[in-house]
Amino acid sequence: MKTLKYLAPVAAVALAIGGAFVLNSRAAQDAGGDGALGGQLRERVKEKLNLSPDQLAKIKSDLKAEKENITSLLTRLHDTRAQLRAAIHKADATEASVRDAAAKVSTVEADLAVERLKLYGKISPILTADQRAKLADFEAGIDQFIERVISRIDSKLSE
């Protein structure tokens, strides 16, 4: 029963962290259509930031230009995370084998961070100062949510 008590907060952290990647991958793969998650994310961002049609067109163009890079990086991230999971579950797993698999995930995450930097450099100038502030507030809200989840896990594990 105690295992179930800890499973929910751990799953929440995994979902929160992985959720961003899932939404980004759906949005990247569904750049023109109305996929459930990608479409919802686009609509929410469009509404919250009050993006103009011109801004949307420019952002969409920038994302399409990087589509292959984004898709490739997200595929690599998924593959390396699956390999890490497999390394952890192996009967003969060692600290060295898990660290090696984790280092591969880290390398892909660094590549993805650089891609995010490039995209931010292209998209940020399209936004107004007010829209950039709203985006920063949104990101701060995500950080606060993750901090609350971590705090809940800490308190649950302290029981």
N, C-alpha and C. Protein backbone atom coordinates (compact mmCIF):
# COMPACT_ATOMS: atom_id res chain seq x y z
N MET A 1 0.81 -1.19 0.00
CA MET A 1 0.00 0.00 0.00
C MET A 1 0.86 1.26 0.00
N LYS A 2 2.00 1.21 0.77
CA LYS A 2 2.87 2.37 0.81
C LYS A 2 3.45 2.66 -0.57
N THR A 3 3.70 1.62 -1.34
CA THR A 3 4.23 1.81 -2.68
C THR A 3 3.27 2.64 -3.52
N LEU A 4 1.99 2.38 -3.42
CA LEU A 4 0.99 3.14 -4.16
C LEU A 4 0.97 4.60 -3.74
N LYS A 5 1.21 4.84 -2.45
CA LYS A 5 1.20 6.20 -1.94
C LYS A 5 2.32 7.03 -2.59
N TYR A 6 3.47 6.39 -2.85
CA TYR A 6 4.60 7.09 -3.45
C TYR A 6 4.54 7.11 -4.96
N LEU A 7 3.83 6.18 -5.53
CA LEU A 7 3.75 6.08 -6.97
C LEU A 7 3.05 7.28 -7.61
N ALA A 8 1.99 7.76 -6.99
CA ALA A 8 1.24 8.88 -7.56
C ALA A 8 2.08 10.15 -7.67
N PRO A 9 2.79 10.57 -6.61
CA PRO A 9 3.61 11.78 -6.77
C PRO A 9 4.75 11.61 -7.77
N VAL A 10 5.36 10.44 -7.79
CA VAL A 10 6.44 10.20 -8.76
C VAL A 10 5.89 10.23 -10.18
N ALA A 11 4.73 9.64 -10.37
CA ALA A 11 4.10 9.66 -11.69
C ALA A 11 3.75 11.09 -12.09
N ALA A 12 3.31 11.89 -11.13
CA ALA A 12 2.97 13.29 -11.43
C ALA A 12 4.19 14.06 -11.91
N VAL A 13 5.33 13.85 -11.27
CA VAL A 13 6.57 14.52 -11.71
C VAL A 13 6.94 14.05 -13.10
N ALA A 14 6.88 12.76 -13.32
CA ALA A 14 7.22 12.23 -14.64
C ALA A 14 6.30 12.79 -15.71
N LEU A 15 5.02 12.88 -15.41
CA LEU A 15 4.07 13.43 -16.37
C LEU A 15 4.32 14.92 -16.61
N ALA A 16 4.63 15.64 -15.54
CA ALA A 16 4.85 17.07 -15.69
C ALA A 16 6.08 17.35 -16.54
N ILE A 17 7.15 16.62 -16.28
CA ILE A 17 8.38 16.83 -17.04
C ILE A 17 8.22 16.31 -18.46
N GLY A 18 7.69 15.12 -18.59
CA GLY A 18 7.52 14.53 -19.92
C GLY A 18 6.42 15.19 -20.72
N GLY A 19 5.46 15.79 -20.02
CA GLY A 19 4.33 16.42 -20.71
C GLY A 19 4.75 17.48 -21.69
N ALA A 20 5.73 18.27 -21.31
CA ALA A 20 6.21 19.32 -22.21
C ALA A 20 6.75 18.71 -23.49
N PHE A 21 7.49 17.62 -23.36
CA PHE A 21 8.03 16.98 -24.56
C PHE A 21 6.93 16.38 -25.42
N VAL A 22 5.96 15.78 -24.79
CA VAL A 22 4.85 15.20 -25.55
C VAL A 22 4.11 16.28 -26.31
N LEU A 23 3.78 17.37 -25.62
CA LEU A 23 3.06 18.46 -26.28
C LEU A 23 3.88 19.05 -27.42
N ASN A 24 5.17 19.24 -27.18
CA ASN A 24 6.03 19.79 -28.23
C ASN A 24 6.14 18.83 -29.41
N SER A 25 6.25 17.55 -29.14
CA SER A 25 6.38 16.60 -30.24
C SER A 25 5.08 16.51 -31.03
N ARG A 26 3.94 16.53 -30.34
CA ARG A 26 2.66 16.51 -31.04
C ARG A 26 2.50 17.76 -31.88
N ALA A 27 2.88 18.90 -31.32
CA ALA A 27 2.75 20.16 -32.05
C ALA A 27 3.69 20.16 -33.25
N ALA A 28 4.89 19.62 -33.09
CA ALA A 28 5.85 19.58 -34.20
C ALA A 28 5.38 18.62 -35.28
N GLN A 29 4.86 17.47 -34.89
CA GLN A 29 4.42 16.48 -35.86
C GLN A 29 3.12 16.89 -36.52
N ASP A 30 2.36 17.72 -35.83
CA ASP A 30 1.04 18.12 -36.33
C ASP A 30 1.02 19.60 -36.64
N ALA A 31 2.08 20.08 -37.27
CA ALA A 31 2.25 21.52 -37.47
C ALA A 31 1.09 22.16 -38.22
N GLY A 32 0.39 21.42 -39.04
CA GLY A 32 -0.68 22.04 -39.80
C GLY A 32 -2.07 21.60 -39.40
N GLY A 33 -2.20 20.48 -38.71
CA GLY A 33 -3.53 19.93 -38.44
C GLY A 33 -4.04 20.32 -37.07
N ASP A 34 -5.08 19.63 -36.65
CA ASP A 34 -5.69 19.91 -35.36
C ASP A 34 -5.62 18.70 -34.45
N GLY A 35 -4.42 18.13 -34.28
CA GLY A 35 -4.24 17.03 -33.35
C GLY A 35 -4.69 17.46 -31.97
N ALA A 36 -5.21 16.55 -31.20
CA ALA A 36 -5.82 16.89 -29.91
C ALA A 36 -4.89 17.73 -29.03
N LEU A 37 -3.72 17.20 -28.72
CA LEU A 37 -2.84 17.93 -27.81
C LEU A 37 -2.19 19.12 -28.49
N GLY A 38 -1.66 18.94 -29.69
CA GLY A 38 -1.01 20.05 -30.41
C GLY A 38 -1.97 21.18 -30.66
N GLY A 39 -3.18 20.87 -31.07
CA GLY A 39 -4.19 21.89 -31.34
C GLY A 39 -4.60 22.62 -30.08
N GLN A 40 -4.78 21.89 -28.99
CA GLN A 40 -5.15 22.51 -27.72
C GLN A 40 -4.04 23.44 -27.23
N LEU A 41 -2.82 22.99 -27.35
CA LEU A 41 -1.69 23.81 -26.90
C LEU A 41 -1.61 25.09 -27.72
N ARG A 42 -1.70 24.93 -29.04
CA ARG A 42 -1.65 26.11 -29.91
C ARG A 42 -2.75 27.10 -29.56
N GLU A 43 -3.97 26.59 -29.38
CA GLU A 43 -5.09 27.47 -29.07
C GLU A 43 -4.91 28.17 -27.73
N ARG A 44 -4.40 27.45 -26.76
CA ARG A 44 -4.21 28.05 -25.43
C ARG A 44 -3.14 29.13 -25.47
N VAL A 45 -2.03 28.85 -26.14
CA VAL A 45 -0.97 29.84 -26.26
C VAL A 45 -1.46 31.04 -27.04
N LYS A 46 -2.13 30.78 -28.14
CA LYS A 46 -2.67 31.85 -28.99
C LYS A 46 -3.59 32.76 -28.16
N GLU A 47 -4.45 32.14 -27.36
CA GLU A 47 -5.39 32.89 -26.55
C GLU A 47 -4.68 33.66 -25.43
N LYS A 48 -3.80 32.99 -24.69
CA LYS A 48 -3.13 33.62 -23.55
C LYS A 48 -2.23 34.77 -23.99
N LEU A 49 -1.54 34.60 -25.11
CA LEU A 49 -0.62 35.63 -25.57
C LEU A 49 -1.28 36.63 -26.52
N ASN A 50 -2.53 36.34 -26.92
CA ASN A 50 -3.24 37.20 -27.86
C ASN A 50 -2.40 37.41 -29.13
N LEU A 51 -1.98 36.31 -29.73
CA LEU A 51 -1.14 36.37 -30.93
C LEU A 51 -1.96 36.80 -32.14
N SER A 52 -1.38 37.66 -32.93
CA SER A 52 -2.04 38.10 -34.15
C SER A 52 -1.87 37.04 -35.24
N PRO A 53 -2.70 37.06 -36.27
CA PRO A 53 -2.52 36.11 -37.38
C PRO A 53 -1.13 36.21 -38.01
N ASP A 54 -0.59 37.41 -38.10
CA ASP A 54 0.75 37.60 -38.67
C ASP A 54 1.82 36.95 -37.78
N GLN A 55 1.68 37.14 -36.46
CA GLN A 55 2.62 36.51 -35.54
C GLN A 55 2.54 34.98 -35.64
N LEU A 56 1.31 34.47 -35.69
CA LEU A 56 1.13 33.02 -35.80
C LEU A 56 1.78 32.48 -37.07
N ALA A 57 1.61 33.18 -38.16
CA ALA A 57 2.18 32.74 -39.44
C ALA A 57 3.71 32.71 -39.36
N LYS A 58 4.30 33.74 -38.76
CA LYS A 58 5.76 33.80 -38.64
C LYS A 58 6.28 32.68 -37.72
N ILE A 59 5.60 32.47 -36.62
CA ILE A 59 6.02 31.41 -35.68
C ILE A 59 5.89 30.04 -36.34
N LYS A 60 4.78 29.82 -37.01
CA LYS A 60 4.56 28.55 -37.70
C LYS A 60 5.65 28.32 -38.75
N SER A 61 6.01 29.37 -39.47
CA SER A 61 7.06 29.27 -40.48
C SER A 61 8.40 28.90 -39.84
N ASP A 62 8.72 29.53 -38.71
CA ASP A 62 9.97 29.23 -38.02
C ASP A 62 9.99 27.78 -37.51
N LEU A 63 8.86 27.32 -36.98
CA LEU A 63 8.78 25.94 -36.50
C LEU A 63 8.89 24.95 -37.65
N LYS A 64 8.22 25.24 -38.76
CA LYS A 64 8.30 24.36 -39.92
C LYS A 64 9.72 24.27 -40.44
N ALA A 65 10.45 25.38 -40.41
CA ALA A 65 11.84 25.39 -40.89
C ALA A 65 12.72 24.48 -40.03
N GLU A 66 12.35 24.30 -38.78
CA GLU A 66 13.14 23.46 -37.87
C GLU A 66 12.50 22.10 -37.61
N LYS A 67 11.45 21.78 -38.37
CA LYS A 67 10.68 20.56 -38.13
C LYS A 67 11.56 19.30 -38.09
N GLU A 68 12.43 19.15 -39.07
CA GLU A 68 13.28 17.95 -39.10
C GLU A 68 14.17 17.87 -37.88
N ASN A 69 14.77 18.99 -37.48
CA ASN A 69 15.63 19.00 -36.29
C ASN A 69 14.83 18.66 -35.04
N ILE A 70 13.66 19.28 -34.90
CA ILE A 70 12.84 19.04 -33.72
C ILE A 70 12.41 17.58 -33.65
N THR A 71 11.89 17.07 -34.75
CA THR A 71 11.43 15.68 -34.77
C THR A 71 12.57 14.71 -34.51
N SER A 72 13.71 14.97 -35.12
CA SER A 72 14.88 14.11 -34.91
C SER A 72 15.32 14.12 -33.45
N LEU A 73 15.38 15.30 -32.86
CA LEU A 73 15.80 15.40 -31.46
C LEU A 73 14.81 14.72 -30.52
N LEU A 74 13.52 14.91 -30.76
CA LEU A 74 12.53 14.28 -29.90
C LEU A 74 12.54 12.76 -30.05
N THR A 75 12.79 12.28 -31.25
CA THR A 75 12.91 10.83 -31.46
C THR A 75 14.13 10.30 -30.73
N ARG A 76 15.25 11.01 -30.86
CA ARG A 76 16.48 10.60 -30.16
C ARG A 76 16.27 10.62 -28.65
N LEU A 77 15.57 11.64 -28.15
CA LEU A 77 15.31 11.72 -26.71
C LEU A 77 14.48 10.53 -26.25
N HIS A 78 13.44 10.22 -26.99
CA HIS A 78 12.60 9.07 -26.64
C HIS A 78 13.43 7.78 -26.65
N ASP A 79 14.23 7.60 -27.69
CA ASP A 79 15.04 6.38 -27.81
C ASP A 79 16.05 6.26 -26.67
N THR A 80 16.74 7.36 -26.34
CA THR A 80 17.75 7.27 -25.28
C THR A 80 17.10 7.08 -23.91
N ARG A 81 15.92 7.65 -23.70
CA ARG A 81 15.22 7.41 -22.43
C ARG A 81 14.76 5.96 -22.32
N ALA A 82 14.31 5.40 -23.44
CA ALA A 82 13.92 3.98 -23.43
C ALA A 82 15.14 3.10 -23.15
N GLN A 83 16.28 3.47 -23.73
CA GLN A 83 17.51 2.71 -23.47
C GLN A 83 17.94 2.84 -22.01
N LEU A 84 17.76 4.02 -21.43
CA LEU A 84 18.07 4.20 -20.01
C LEU A 84 17.17 3.33 -19.15
N ARG A 85 15.89 3.33 -19.46
CA ARG A 85 14.94 2.49 -18.71
C ARG A 85 15.33 1.03 -18.82
N ALA A 86 15.70 0.59 -20.01
CA ALA A 86 16.11 -0.80 -20.21
C ALA A 86 17.39 -1.10 -19.43
N ALA A 87 18.32 -0.14 -19.40
CA ALA A 87 19.57 -0.34 -18.65
C ALA A 87 19.29 -0.49 -17.16
N ILE A 88 18.36 0.27 -16.64
CA ILE A 88 18.00 0.19 -15.22
C ILE A 88 17.36 -1.15 -14.90
N HIS A 89 16.55 -1.67 -15.82
CA HIS A 89 15.80 -2.90 -15.57
C HIS A 89 16.60 -4.17 -15.85
N LYS A 90 17.75 -4.03 -16.47
CA LYS A 90 18.56 -5.22 -16.78
C LYS A 90 18.94 -5.97 -15.50
N ALA A 91 18.92 -7.28 -15.58
CA ALA A 91 19.27 -8.09 -14.42
C ALA A 91 20.72 -7.87 -14.00
N ASP A 92 21.60 -7.62 -14.98
CA ASP A 92 23.02 -7.43 -14.66
C ASP A 92 23.43 -5.95 -14.71
N ALA A 93 22.47 -5.05 -14.43
CA ALA A 93 22.73 -3.61 -14.47
C ALA A 93 23.80 -3.23 -13.45
N THR A 94 24.63 -2.30 -13.86
CA THR A 94 25.65 -1.76 -12.96
C THR A 94 25.50 -0.24 -12.93
N GLU A 95 26.12 0.35 -11.94
CA GLU A 95 26.11 1.81 -11.87
C GLU A 95 26.74 2.40 -13.13
N ALA A 96 27.81 1.80 -13.61
CA ALA A 96 28.49 2.31 -14.80
C ALA A 96 27.59 2.22 -16.04
N SER A 97 26.86 1.11 -16.20
CA SER A 97 26.00 0.98 -17.38
C SER A 97 24.84 1.97 -17.34
N VAL A 98 24.31 2.21 -16.16
CA VAL A 98 23.22 3.17 -16.02
C VAL A 98 23.74 4.60 -16.24
N ARG A 99 24.92 4.89 -15.70
CA ARG A 99 25.50 6.22 -15.92
C ARG A 99 25.79 6.45 -17.40
N ASP A 100 26.24 5.44 -18.09
CA ASP A 100 26.50 5.56 -19.53
C ASP A 100 25.21 5.87 -20.28
N ALA A 101 24.16 5.13 -19.96
CA ALA A 101 22.86 5.37 -20.62
C ALA A 101 22.32 6.75 -20.26
N ALA A 102 22.49 7.17 -19.01
CA ALA A 102 22.02 8.49 -18.59
C ALA A 102 22.81 9.60 -19.28
N ALA A 103 24.10 9.37 -19.51
CA ALA A 103 24.92 10.36 -20.21
C ALA A 103 24.43 10.56 -21.64
N LYS A 104 23.97 9.48 -22.26
CA LYS A 104 23.43 9.59 -23.62
C LYS A 104 22.15 10.43 -23.62
N VAL A 105 21.31 10.25 -22.62
CA VAL A 105 20.11 11.08 -22.50
C VAL A 105 20.52 12.54 -22.31
N SER A 106 21.50 12.75 -21.47
CA SER A 106 21.97 14.11 -21.19
C SER A 106 22.49 14.80 -22.45
N THR A 107 23.19 14.05 -23.28
CA THR A 107 23.71 14.62 -24.53
C THR A 107 22.58 15.07 -25.43
N VAL A 108 21.56 14.25 -25.55
CA VAL A 108 20.41 14.61 -26.39
C VAL A 108 19.67 15.80 -25.78
N GLU A 109 19.53 15.82 -24.46
CA GLU A 109 18.86 16.95 -23.81
C GLU A 109 19.64 18.25 -24.04
N ALA A 110 20.97 18.17 -24.06
CA ALA A 110 21.78 19.36 -24.35
C ALA A 110 21.55 19.82 -25.79
N ASP A 111 21.49 18.86 -26.71
CA ASP A 111 21.21 19.21 -28.11
C ASP A 111 19.83 19.86 -28.24
N LEU A 112 18.87 19.33 -27.51
CA LEU A 112 17.52 19.88 -27.53
C LEU A 112 17.50 21.29 -26.93
N ALA A 113 18.27 21.51 -25.88
CA ALA A 113 18.35 22.84 -25.28
C ALA A 113 18.92 23.86 -26.27
N VAL A 114 19.90 23.45 -27.05
CA VAL A 114 20.47 24.33 -28.07
C VAL A 114 19.42 24.63 -29.13
N GLU A 115 18.64 23.64 -29.53
CA GLU A 115 17.57 23.86 -30.50
C GLU A 115 16.53 24.82 -29.93
N ARG A 116 16.20 24.67 -28.66
CA ARG A 116 15.26 25.59 -28.02
C ARG A 116 15.82 27.01 -28.02
N LEU A 117 17.11 27.15 -27.78
CA LEU A 117 17.76 28.46 -27.83
C LEU A 117 17.61 29.09 -29.21
N LYS A 118 17.85 28.29 -30.25
CA LYS A 118 17.71 28.79 -31.62
C LYS A 118 16.27 29.24 -31.89
N LEU A 119 15.32 28.41 -31.49
CA LEU A 119 13.92 28.75 -31.70
C LEU A 119 13.52 30.00 -30.91
N TYR A 120 13.98 30.09 -29.68
CA TYR A 120 13.68 31.27 -28.88
C TYR A 120 14.25 32.52 -29.54
N GLY A 121 15.45 32.41 -30.09
CA GLY A 121 16.06 33.53 -30.79
C GLY A 121 15.27 33.98 -32.00
N LYS A 122 14.59 33.05 -32.64
CA LYS A 122 13.77 33.38 -33.81
C LYS A 122 12.39 33.89 -33.42
N ILE A 123 11.80 33.28 -32.39
CA ILE A 123 10.41 33.57 -32.04
C ILE A 123 10.29 34.78 -31.10
N SER A 124 11.22 34.96 -30.20
CA SER A 124 11.14 36.05 -29.24
C SER A 124 10.97 37.42 -29.90
N PRO A 125 11.72 37.74 -30.96
CA PRO A 125 11.54 39.05 -31.59
C PRO A 125 10.15 39.25 -32.23
N ILE A 126 9.46 38.16 -32.51
CA ILE A 126 8.12 38.24 -33.10
C ILE A 126 7.11 38.73 -32.06
N LEU A 127 7.39 38.43 -30.79
CA LEU A 127 6.46 38.75 -29.71
C LEU A 127 6.67 40.18 -29.21
N THR A 128 5.60 40.75 -28.68
CA THR A 128 5.71 42.06 -28.04
C THR A 128 6.31 41.88 -26.65
N ALA A 129 6.71 42.98 -26.04
CA ALA A 129 7.26 42.92 -24.68
C ALA A 129 6.22 42.34 -23.71
N ASP A 130 4.95 42.72 -23.88
CA ASP A 130 3.88 42.21 -23.04
C ASP A 130 3.71 40.69 -23.22
N GLN A 131 3.79 40.23 -24.45
CA GLN A 131 3.66 38.79 -24.72
C GLN A 131 4.84 38.02 -24.14
N ARG A 132 6.04 38.58 -24.23
CA ARG A 132 7.21 37.91 -23.63
C ARG A 132 7.06 37.84 -22.11
N ALA A 133 6.49 38.88 -21.50
CA ALA A 133 6.26 38.87 -20.05
C ALA A 133 5.23 37.80 -19.68
N LYS A 134 4.16 37.69 -20.47
CA LYS A 134 3.14 36.66 -20.21
C LYS A 134 3.75 35.27 -20.35
N LEU A 135 4.62 35.10 -21.34
CA LEU A 135 5.28 33.81 -21.52
C LEU A 135 6.18 33.49 -20.33
N ALA A 136 6.90 34.48 -19.83
CA ALA A 136 7.74 34.28 -18.65
C ALA A 136 6.89 33.92 -17.44
N ASP A 137 5.72 34.55 -17.30
CA ASP A 137 4.82 34.21 -16.20
C ASP A 137 4.32 32.77 -16.32
N PHE A 138 4.01 32.35 -17.54
CA PHE A 138 3.56 30.98 -17.79
C PHE A 138 4.65 29.99 -17.38
N GLU A 139 5.90 30.28 -17.79
CA GLU A 139 7.02 29.41 -17.44
C GLU A 139 7.24 29.38 -15.93
N ALA A 140 7.09 30.53 -15.27
CA ALA A 140 7.23 30.58 -13.81
C ALA A 140 6.14 29.74 -13.16
N GLY A 141 4.94 29.76 -13.72
CA GLY A 141 3.86 28.93 -13.19
C GLY A 141 4.17 27.45 -13.29
N ILE A 142 4.79 27.06 -14.41
CA ILE A 142 5.19 25.65 -14.57
C ILE A 142 6.23 25.30 -13.51
N ASP A 143 7.21 26.19 -13.31
CA ASP A 143 8.23 25.95 -12.29
C ASP A 143 7.62 25.81 -10.90
N GLN A 144 6.65 26.67 -10.59
CA GLN A 144 6.00 26.59 -9.28
C GLN A 144 5.23 25.29 -9.12
N PHE A 145 4.58 24.84 -10.20
CA PHE A 145 3.86 23.57 -10.16
C PHE A 145 4.83 22.42 -9.86
N ILE A 146 5.96 22.39 -10.57
CA ILE A 146 6.95 21.33 -10.35
C ILE A 146 7.49 21.40 -8.93
N GLU A 147 7.75 22.60 -8.42
CA GLU A 147 8.24 22.74 -7.05
C GLU A 147 7.22 22.20 -6.04
N ARG A 148 5.94 22.45 -6.28
CA ARG A 148 4.90 21.92 -5.39
C ARG A 148 4.86 20.40 -5.44
N VAL A 149 5.00 19.83 -6.63
CA VAL A 149 5.00 18.37 -6.76
C VAL A 149 6.20 17.79 -6.02
N ILE A 150 7.36 18.39 -6.18
CA ILE A 150 8.57 17.90 -5.49
C ILE A 150 8.38 18.00 -3.98
N SER A 151 7.79 19.09 -3.53
CA SER A 151 7.54 19.26 -2.10
C SER A 151 6.60 18.18 -1.57
N ARG A 152 5.55 17.88 -2.35
CA ARG A 152 4.62 16.81 -1.95
C ARG A 152 5.31 15.47 -1.89
N ILE A 153 6.17 15.19 -2.85
CA ILE A 153 6.91 13.93 -2.83
C ILE A 153 7.79 13.87 -1.59
N ASP A 154 8.47 14.98 -1.30
CA ASP A 154 9.33 15.04 -0.13
C ASP A 154 8.54 14.76 1.15
N SER A 155 7.37 15.40 1.28
CA SER A 155 6.59 15.18 2.49
C SER A 155 6.03 13.77 2.55
N LYS A 156 5.63 13.21 1.41
CA LYS A 156 5.11 11.82 1.39
C LYS A 156 6.22 10.83 1.76
N LEU A 157 7.41 11.07 1.26
CA LEU A 157 8.51 10.16 1.57
C LEU A 157 9.01 10.32 3.00
N SER A 158 8.67 11.44 3.63
CA SER A 158 9.09 11.67 5.02
C SER A 158 8.14 11.00 6.01
N GLU A 159 6.98 10.57 5.53
CA GLU A 159 5.99 9.96 6.44
C GLU A 159 6.44 8.62 6.92
